[in-house]
Amino acid sequence: MILEIATFHIQEGKQTDFEAAFQKAKLVISQSKGFLDLTLQHCLEIPTKYKALIHWETLEDHMIRFRESVLFTE
């Protein structure tokens, strides 16, 4: 299993919009071959910071099958 960690710094006051957009993105990402799970963590100390934890079956599922697919651009 591969864990991808993505960090996001969101403009102050846009956190709710980001969280809503992220839920839509999760629906897209979850369609990719090898996708296992995705969670969004919100930093308590820095309210504009988020981390996404995405679990993939293999490195190829993340780096090739997803990143080179139409889903990635969506």
PDB file of N, CA and C in Angstrom:
ATOM      1  N   MET A   1       0.844  -1.180   0.000  1.00  0.00           N
ATOM      2  CA  MET A   1       0.000   0.000   0.000  1.00  0.00           C
ATOM      3  C   MET A   1       0.890   1.244   0.000  1.00  0.00           C
ATOM      4  N   ILE A   2       0.456   2.267  -0.726  1.00  0.00           N
ATOM      5  CA  ILE A   2       1.167   3.531  -0.855  1.00  0.00           C
ATOM      6  C   ILE A   2       0.318   4.627  -0.212  1.00  0.00           C
ATOM      7  N   LEU A   3       0.960   5.497   0.565  1.00  0.00           N
ATOM      8  CA  LEU A   3       0.267   6.635   1.158  1.00  0.00           C
ATOM      9  C   LEU A   3       0.766   7.914   0.506  1.00  0.00           C
ATOM     10  N   GLU A   4      -0.133   8.621  -0.138  1.00  0.00           N
ATOM     11  CA  GLU A   4       0.160   9.930  -0.704  1.00  0.00           C
ATOM     12  C   GLU A   4      -0.318  10.978   0.297  1.00  0.00           C
ATOM     13  N   ILE A   5       0.519  11.970   0.579  1.00  0.00           N
ATOM     14  CA  ILE A   5       0.139  13.059   1.472  1.00  0.00           C
ATOM     15  C   ILE A   5       0.228  14.363   0.695  1.00  0.00           C
ATOM     16  N   ALA A   6      -0.890  15.043   0.574  1.00  0.00           N
ATOM     17  CA  ALA A   6      -0.939  16.320  -0.136  1.00  0.00           C
ATOM     18  C   ALA A   6      -1.298  17.413   0.867  1.00  0.00           C
ATOM     19  N   THR A   7      -0.534  18.499   0.858  1.00  0.00           N
ATOM     20  CA  THR A   7      -0.772  19.621   1.756  1.00  0.00           C
ATOM     21  C   THR A   7      -1.387  20.778   0.974  1.00  0.00           C
ATOM     22  N   PHE A   8      -2.418  21.372   1.555  1.00  0.00           N
ATOM     23  CA  PHE A   8      -3.112  22.493   0.932  1.00  0.00           C
ATOM     24  C   PHE A   8      -3.130  23.681   1.889  1.00  0.00           C
ATOM     25  N   HIS A   9      -2.789  24.846   1.372  1.00  0.00           N
ATOM     26  CA  HIS A   9      -2.905  26.100   2.111  1.00  0.00           C
ATOM     27  C   HIS A   9      -4.005  26.907   1.425  1.00  0.00           C
ATOM     28  N   ILE A  10      -5.104  27.092   2.137  1.00  0.00           N
ATOM     29  CA  ILE A  10      -6.305  27.693   1.574  1.00  0.00           C
ATOM     30  C   ILE A  10      -6.422  29.146   2.026  1.00  0.00           C
ATOM     31  N   GLN A  11      -6.855  29.993   1.133  1.00  0.00           N
ATOM     32  CA  GLN A  11      -7.041  31.403   1.449  1.00  0.00           C
ATOM     33  C   GLN A  11      -8.031  31.548   2.610  1.00  0.00           C
ATOM     34  N   GLU A  12      -7.720  32.419   3.547  1.00  0.00           N
ATOM     35  CA  GLU A  12      -8.584  32.684   4.697  1.00  0.00           C
ATOM     36  C   GLU A  12     -10.007  32.981   4.226  1.00  0.00           C
ATOM     37  N   GLY A  13     -10.969  32.342   4.876  1.00  0.00           N
ATOM     38  CA  GLY A  13     -12.373  32.539   4.535  1.00  0.00           C
ATOM     39  C   GLY A  13     -12.887  31.634   3.428  1.00  0.00           C
ATOM     40  N   LYS A  14     -12.003  30.854   2.803  1.00  0.00           N
ATOM     41  CA  LYS A  14     -12.400  29.973   1.699  1.00  0.00           C
ATOM     42  C   LYS A  14     -12.417  28.490   2.110  1.00  0.00           C
ATOM     43  N   GLN A  15     -12.258  28.230   3.406  1.00  0.00           N
ATOM     44  CA  GLN A  15     -12.162  26.844   3.862  1.00  0.00           C
ATOM     45  C   GLN A  15     -13.434  26.049   3.562  1.00  0.00           C
ATOM     46  N   THR A  16     -14.584  26.636   3.774  1.00  0.00           N
ATOM     47  CA  THR A  16     -15.842  25.919   3.511  1.00  0.00           C
ATOM     48  C   THR A  16     -15.974  25.580   2.034  1.00  0.00           C
ATOM     49  N   ASP A  17     -15.622  26.517   1.168  1.00  0.00           N
ATOM     50  CA  ASP A  17     -15.660  26.259  -0.275  1.00  0.00           C
ATOM     51  C   ASP A  17     -14.692  25.136  -0.648  1.00  0.00           C
ATOM     52  N   PHE A  18     -13.500  25.168  -0.059  1.00  0.00           N
ATOM     53  CA  PHE A  18     -12.506  24.131  -0.335  1.00  0.00           C
ATOM     54  C   PHE A  18     -13.017  22.763   0.099  1.00  0.00           C
ATOM     55  N   GLU A  19     -13.568  22.683   1.287  1.00  0.00           N
ATOM     56  CA  GLU A  19     -14.061  21.400   1.791  1.00  0.00           C
ATOM     57  C   GLU A  19     -15.165  20.836   0.900  1.00  0.00           C
ATOM     58  N   ALA A  20     -16.047  21.689   0.405  1.00  0.00           N
ATOM     59  CA  ALA A  20     -17.109  21.239  -0.505  1.00  0.00           C
ATOM     60  C   ALA A  20     -16.525  20.758  -1.828  1.00  0.00           C
ATOM     61  N   ALA A  21     -15.576  21.508  -2.374  1.00  0.00           N
ATOM     62  CA  ALA A  21     -14.936  21.114  -3.633  1.00  0.00           C
ATOM     63  C   ALA A  21     -14.146  19.824  -3.448  1.00  0.00           C
ATOM     64  N   PHE A  22     -13.542  19.660  -2.295  1.00  0.00           N
ATOM     65  CA  PHE A  22     -12.757  18.459  -2.032  1.00  0.00           C
ATOM     66  C   PHE A  22     -13.651  17.215  -2.033  1.00  0.00           C
ATOM     67  N   GLN A  23     -14.857  17.333  -1.507  1.00  0.00           N
ATOM     68  CA  GLN A  23     -15.775  16.183  -1.508  1.00  0.00           C
ATOM     69  C   GLN A  23     -16.131  15.780  -2.938  1.00  0.00           C
ATOM     70  N   LYS A  24     -16.280  16.749  -3.814  1.00  0.00           N
ATOM     71  CA  LYS A  24     -16.538  16.445  -5.225  1.00  0.00           C
ATOM     72  C   LYS A  24     -15.315  15.783  -5.857  1.00  0.00           C
ATOM     73  N   ALA A  25     -14.141  16.287  -5.530  1.00  0.00           N
ATOM     74  CA  ALA A  25     -12.904  15.702  -6.060  1.00  0.00           C
ATOM     75  C   ALA A  25     -12.728  14.271  -5.570  1.00  0.00           C
ATOM     76  N   LYS A  26     -13.124  14.011  -4.342  1.00  0.00           N
ATOM     77  CA  LYS A  26     -13.008  12.655  -3.788  1.00  0.00           C
ATOM     78  C   LYS A  26     -13.818  11.657  -4.625  1.00  0.00           C
ATOM     79  N   LEU A  27     -14.977  12.087  -5.085  1.00  0.00           N
ATOM     80  CA  LEU A  27     -15.806  11.209  -5.922  1.00  0.00           C
ATOM     81  C   LEU A  27     -15.099  10.867  -7.230  1.00  0.00           C
ATOM     82  N   VAL A  28     -14.351  11.823  -7.769  1.00  0.00           N
ATOM     83  CA  VAL A  28     -13.606  11.594  -9.011  1.00  0.00           C
ATOM     84  C   VAL A  28     -12.416  10.677  -8.751  1.00  0.00           C
ATOM     85  N   ILE A  29     -11.616  11.014  -7.761  1.00  0.00           N
ATOM     86  CA  ILE A  29     -10.404  10.236  -7.448  1.00  0.00           C
ATOM     87  C   ILE A  29     -10.758   8.789  -7.115  1.00  0.00           C
ATOM     88  N   SER A  30     -11.842   8.595  -6.398  1.00  0.00           N
ATOM     89  CA  SER A  30     -12.214   7.246  -5.957  1.00  0.00           C
ATOM     90  C   SER A  30     -12.540   6.299  -7.117  1.00  0.00           C
ATOM     91  N   GLN A  31     -12.731   6.837  -8.310  1.00  0.00           N
ATOM     92  CA  GLN A  31     -13.005   6.006  -9.485  1.00  0.00           C
ATOM     93  C   GLN A  31     -11.738   5.399 -10.088  1.00  0.00           C
ATOM     94  N   SER A  32     -10.591   5.872  -9.650  1.00  0.00           N
ATOM     95  CA  SER A  32      -9.333   5.430 -10.235  1.00  0.00           C
ATOM     96  C   SER A  32      -8.951   4.020  -9.781  1.00  0.00           C
ATOM     97  N   LYS A  33      -8.381   3.264 -10.689  1.00  0.00           N
ATOM     98  CA  LYS A  33      -7.928   1.911 -10.368  1.00  0.00           C
ATOM     99  C   LYS A  33      -6.850   1.996  -9.286  1.00  0.00           C
ATOM    100  N   GLY A  34      -6.980   1.170  -8.286  1.00  0.00           N
ATOM    101  CA  GLY A  34      -5.987   1.119  -7.215  1.00  0.00           C
ATOM    102  C   GLY A  34      -6.257   2.052  -6.050  1.00  0.00           C
ATOM    103  N   PHE A  35      -7.279   2.894  -6.166  1.00  0.00           N
ATOM    104  CA  PHE A  35      -7.646   3.788  -5.069  1.00  0.00           C
ATOM    105  C   PHE A  35      -8.202   2.960  -3.920  1.00  0.00           C
ATOM    106  N   LEU A  36      -7.761   3.272  -2.696  1.00  0.00           N
ATOM    107  CA  LEU A  36      -8.254   2.564  -1.525  1.00  0.00           C
ATOM    108  C   LEU A  36      -9.051   3.455  -0.578  1.00  0.00           C
ATOM    109  N   ASP A  37      -8.502   4.642  -0.277  1.00  0.00           N
ATOM    110  CA  ASP A  37      -9.145   5.497   0.719  1.00  0.00           C
ATOM    111  C   ASP A  37      -8.592   6.907   0.626  1.00  0.00           C
ATOM    112  N   LEU A  38      -9.399   7.870   1.058  1.00  0.00           N
ATOM    113  CA  LEU A  38      -8.954   9.262   1.093  1.00  0.00           C
ATOM    114  C   LEU A  38      -9.593   9.945   2.295  1.00  0.00           C
ATOM    115  N   THR A  39      -8.785  10.605   3.095  1.00  0.00           N
ATOM    116  CA  THR A  39      -9.301  11.395   4.204  1.00  0.00           C
ATOM    117  C   THR A  39      -8.687  12.785   4.152  1.00  0.00           C
ATOM    118  N   LEU A  40      -9.443  13.753   4.608  1.00  0.00           N
ATOM    119  CA  LEU A  40      -8.977  15.133   4.666  1.00  0.00           C
ATOM    120  C   LEU A  40      -8.819  15.510   6.128  1.00  0.00           C
ATOM    121  N   GLN A  41      -7.638  15.985   6.473  1.00  0.00           N
ATOM    122  CA  GLN A  41      -7.341  16.409   7.841  1.00  0.00           C
ATOM    123  C   GLN A  41      -7.218  17.926   7.869  1.00  0.00           C
ATOM    124  N   HIS A  42      -7.893  18.571   8.819  1.00  0.00           N
ATOM    125  CA  HIS A  42      -7.864  20.026   8.963  1.00  0.00           C
ATOM    126  C   HIS A  42      -6.979  20.359  10.160  1.00  0.00           C
ATOM    127  N   CYS A  43      -6.007  21.197   9.956  1.00  0.00           N
ATOM    128  CA  CYS A  43      -5.070  21.582  11.009  1.00  0.00           C
ATOM    129  C   CYS A  43      -5.760  22.512  12.010  1.00  0.00           C
ATOM    130  N   LEU A  44      -5.654  22.202  13.284  1.00  0.00           N
ATOM    131  CA  LEU A  44      -6.266  23.043  14.301  1.00  0.00           C
ATOM    132  C   LEU A  44      -5.449  24.302  14.587  1.00  0.00           C
ATOM    133  N   GLU A  45      -4.129  24.171  14.527  1.00  0.00           N
ATOM    134  CA  GLU A  45      -3.266  25.310  14.835  1.00  0.00           C
ATOM    135  C   GLU A  45      -3.242  26.350  13.715  1.00  0.00           C
ATOM    136  N   ILE A  46      -3.356  25.886  12.468  1.00  0.00           N
ATOM    137  CA  ILE A  46      -3.345  26.781  11.307  1.00  0.00           C
ATOM    138  C   ILE A  46      -4.628  26.502  10.527  1.00  0.00           C
ATOM    139  N   PRO A  47      -5.675  27.286  10.750  1.00  0.00           N
ATOM    140  CA  PRO A  47      -6.987  26.977  10.175  1.00  0.00           C
ATOM    141  C   PRO A  47      -7.057  26.982   8.655  1.00  0.00           C
ATOM    142  N   THR A  48      -6.046  27.486   7.983  1.00  0.00           N
ATOM    143  CA  THR A  48      -6.054  27.503   6.514  1.00  0.00           C
ATOM    144  C   THR A  48      -5.256  26.341   5.925  1.00  0.00           C
ATOM    145  N   LYS A  49      -4.788  25.433   6.761  1.00  0.00           N
ATOM    146  CA  LYS A  49      -3.958  24.314   6.303  1.00  0.00           C
ATOM    147  C   LYS A  49      -4.726  23.000   6.398  1.00  0.00           C
ATOM    148  N   TYR A  50      -4.585  22.197   5.333  1.00  0.00           N
ATOM    149  CA  TYR A  50      -5.215  20.878   5.255  1.00  0.00           C
ATOM    150  C   TYR A  50      -4.199  19.870   4.749  1.00  0.00           C
ATOM    151  N   LYS A  51      -4.403  18.611   5.114  1.00  0.00           N
ATOM    152  CA  LYS A  51      -3.631  17.510   4.544  1.00  0.00           C
ATOM    153  C   LYS A  51      -4.617  16.452   4.057  1.00  0.00           C
ATOM    154  N   ALA A  52      -4.384  15.989   2.849  1.00  0.00           N
ATOM    155  CA  ALA A  52      -5.158  14.880   2.298  1.00  0.00           C
ATOM    156  C   ALA A  52      -4.290  13.637   2.360  1.00  0.00           C
ATOM    157  N   LEU A  53      -4.835  12.575   2.898  1.00  0.00           N
ATOM    158  CA  LEU A  53      -4.145  11.285   2.985  1.00  0.00           C
ATOM    159  C   LEU A  53      -4.847  10.327   2.033  1.00  0.00           C
ATOM    160  N   ILE A  54      -4.128   9.931   0.988  1.00  0.00           N
ATOM    161  CA  ILE A  54      -4.725   9.091  -0.048  1.00  0.00           C
ATOM    162  C   ILE A  54      -3.965   7.758  -0.093  1.00  0.00           C
ATOM    163  N   HIS A  55      -4.693   6.687   0.083  1.00  0.00           N
ATOM    164  CA  HIS A  55      -4.095   5.347   0.039  1.00  0.00           C
ATOM    165  C   HIS A  55      -4.344   4.710  -1.324  1.00  0.00           C
ATOM    166  N   TRP A  56      -3.261   4.191  -1.887  1.00  0.00           N
ATOM    167  CA  TRP A  56      -3.294   3.514  -3.183  1.00  0.00           C
ATOM    168  C   TRP A  56      -2.760   2.096  -3.007  1.00  0.00           C
ATOM    169  N   GLU A  57      -3.223   1.191  -3.866  1.00  0.00           N
ATOM    170  CA  GLU A  57      -2.711  -0.183  -3.824  1.00  0.00           C
ATOM    171  C   GLU A  57      -1.229  -0.228  -4.174  1.00  0.00           C
ATOM    172  N   THR A  58      -0.829   0.478  -5.252  1.00  0.00           N
ATOM    173  CA  THR A  58       0.566   0.450  -5.696  1.00  0.00           C
ATOM    174  C   THR A  58       1.017   1.852  -6.091  1.00  0.00           C
ATOM    175  N   LEU A  59       2.304   2.038  -6.194  1.00  0.00           N
ATOM    176  CA  LEU A  59       2.857   3.303  -6.657  1.00  0.00           C
ATOM    177  C   LEU A  59       2.412   3.598  -8.088  1.00  0.00           C
ATOM    178  N   GLU A  60       2.341   2.564  -8.919  1.00  0.00           N
ATOM    179  CA  GLU A  60       1.909   2.729 -10.302  1.00  0.00           C
ATOM    180  C   GLU A  60       0.452   3.213 -10.391  1.00  0.00           C
ATOM    181  N   ASP A  61      -0.394   2.749  -9.467  1.00  0.00           N
ATOM    182  CA  ASP A  61      -1.780   3.210  -9.451  1.00  0.00           C
ATOM    183  C   ASP A  61      -1.849   4.716  -9.235  1.00  0.00           C
ATOM    184  N   HIS A  62      -1.002   5.222  -8.375  1.00  0.00           N
ATOM    185  CA  HIS A  62      -0.981   6.654  -8.086  1.00  0.00           C
ATOM    186  C   HIS A  62      -0.268   7.452  -9.179  1.00  0.00           C
ATOM    187  N   MET A  63       0.954   7.079  -9.491  1.00  0.00           N
ATOM    188  CA  MET A  63       1.804   7.882 -10.363  1.00  0.00           C
ATOM    189  C   MET A  63       1.479   7.741 -11.853  1.00  0.00           C
ATOM    190  N   ILE A  64       0.975   6.595 -12.265  1.00  0.00           N
ATOM    191  CA  ILE A  64       0.722   6.375 -13.688  1.00  0.00           C
ATOM    192  C   ILE A  64      -0.773   6.281 -13.977  1.00  0.00           C
ATOM    193  N   ARG A  65      -1.426   5.293 -13.387  1.00  0.00           N
ATOM    194  CA  ARG A  65      -2.836   5.060 -13.733  1.00  0.00           C
ATOM    195  C   ARG A  65      -3.722   6.260 -13.397  1.00  0.00           C
ATOM    196  N   PHE A  66      -3.477   6.919 -12.261  1.00  0.00           N
ATOM    197  CA  PHE A  66      -4.282   8.090 -11.932  1.00  0.00           C
ATOM    198  C   PHE A  66      -3.726   9.358 -12.563  1.00  0.00           C
ATOM    199  N   ARG A  67      -2.475   9.649 -12.349  1.00  0.00           N
ATOM    200  CA  ARG A  67      -1.898  10.919 -12.806  1.00  0.00           C
ATOM    201  C   ARG A  67      -1.900  11.070 -14.327  1.00  0.00           C
ATOM    202  N   GLU A  68      -1.901   9.981 -15.068  1.00  0.00           N
ATOM    203  CA  GLU A  68      -1.915  10.061 -16.518  1.00  0.00           C
ATOM    204  C   GLU A  68      -3.305   9.802 -17.103  1.00  0.00           C
ATOM    205  N   SER A  69      -4.319   9.828 -16.235  1.00  0.00           N
ATOM    206  CA  SER A  69      -5.679   9.542 -16.688  1.00  0.00           C
ATOM    207  C   SER A  69      -6.489  10.828 -16.841  1.00  0.00           C
ATOM    208  N   VAL A  70      -7.630  10.685 -17.472  1.00  0.00           N
ATOM    209  CA  VAL A  70      -8.565  11.791 -17.619  1.00  0.00           C
ATOM    210  C   VAL A  70      -9.085  12.230 -16.239  1.00  0.00           C
ATOM    211  N   LEU A  71      -9.177  11.305 -15.310  1.00  0.00           N
ATOM    212  CA  LEU A  71      -9.656  11.631 -13.960  1.00  0.00           C
ATOM    213  C   LEU A  71      -8.767  12.684 -13.299  1.00  0.00           C
ATOM    214  N   PHE A  72      -7.475  12.648 -13.531  1.00  0.00           N
ATOM    215  CA  PHE A  72      -6.543  13.592 -12.917  1.00  0.00           C
ATOM    216  C   PHE A  72      -6.848  15.025 -13.359  1.00  0.00           C
ATOM    217  N   THR A  73      -7.134  15.209 -14.625  1.00  0.00           N
ATOM    218  CA  THR A  73      -7.431  16.564 -15.111  1.00  0.00           C
ATOM    219  C   THR A  73      -8.827  17.034 -14.696  1.00  0.00           C
ATOM    220  N   GLU A  74      -9.698  16.073 -14.422  1.00  0.00           N
ATOM    221  CA  GLU A  74     -11.045  16.416 -13.989  1.00  0.00           C
ATOM    222  C   GLU A  74     -11.006  17.008 -12.605  1.00  0.00           C
TER     223      GLU A  74
END
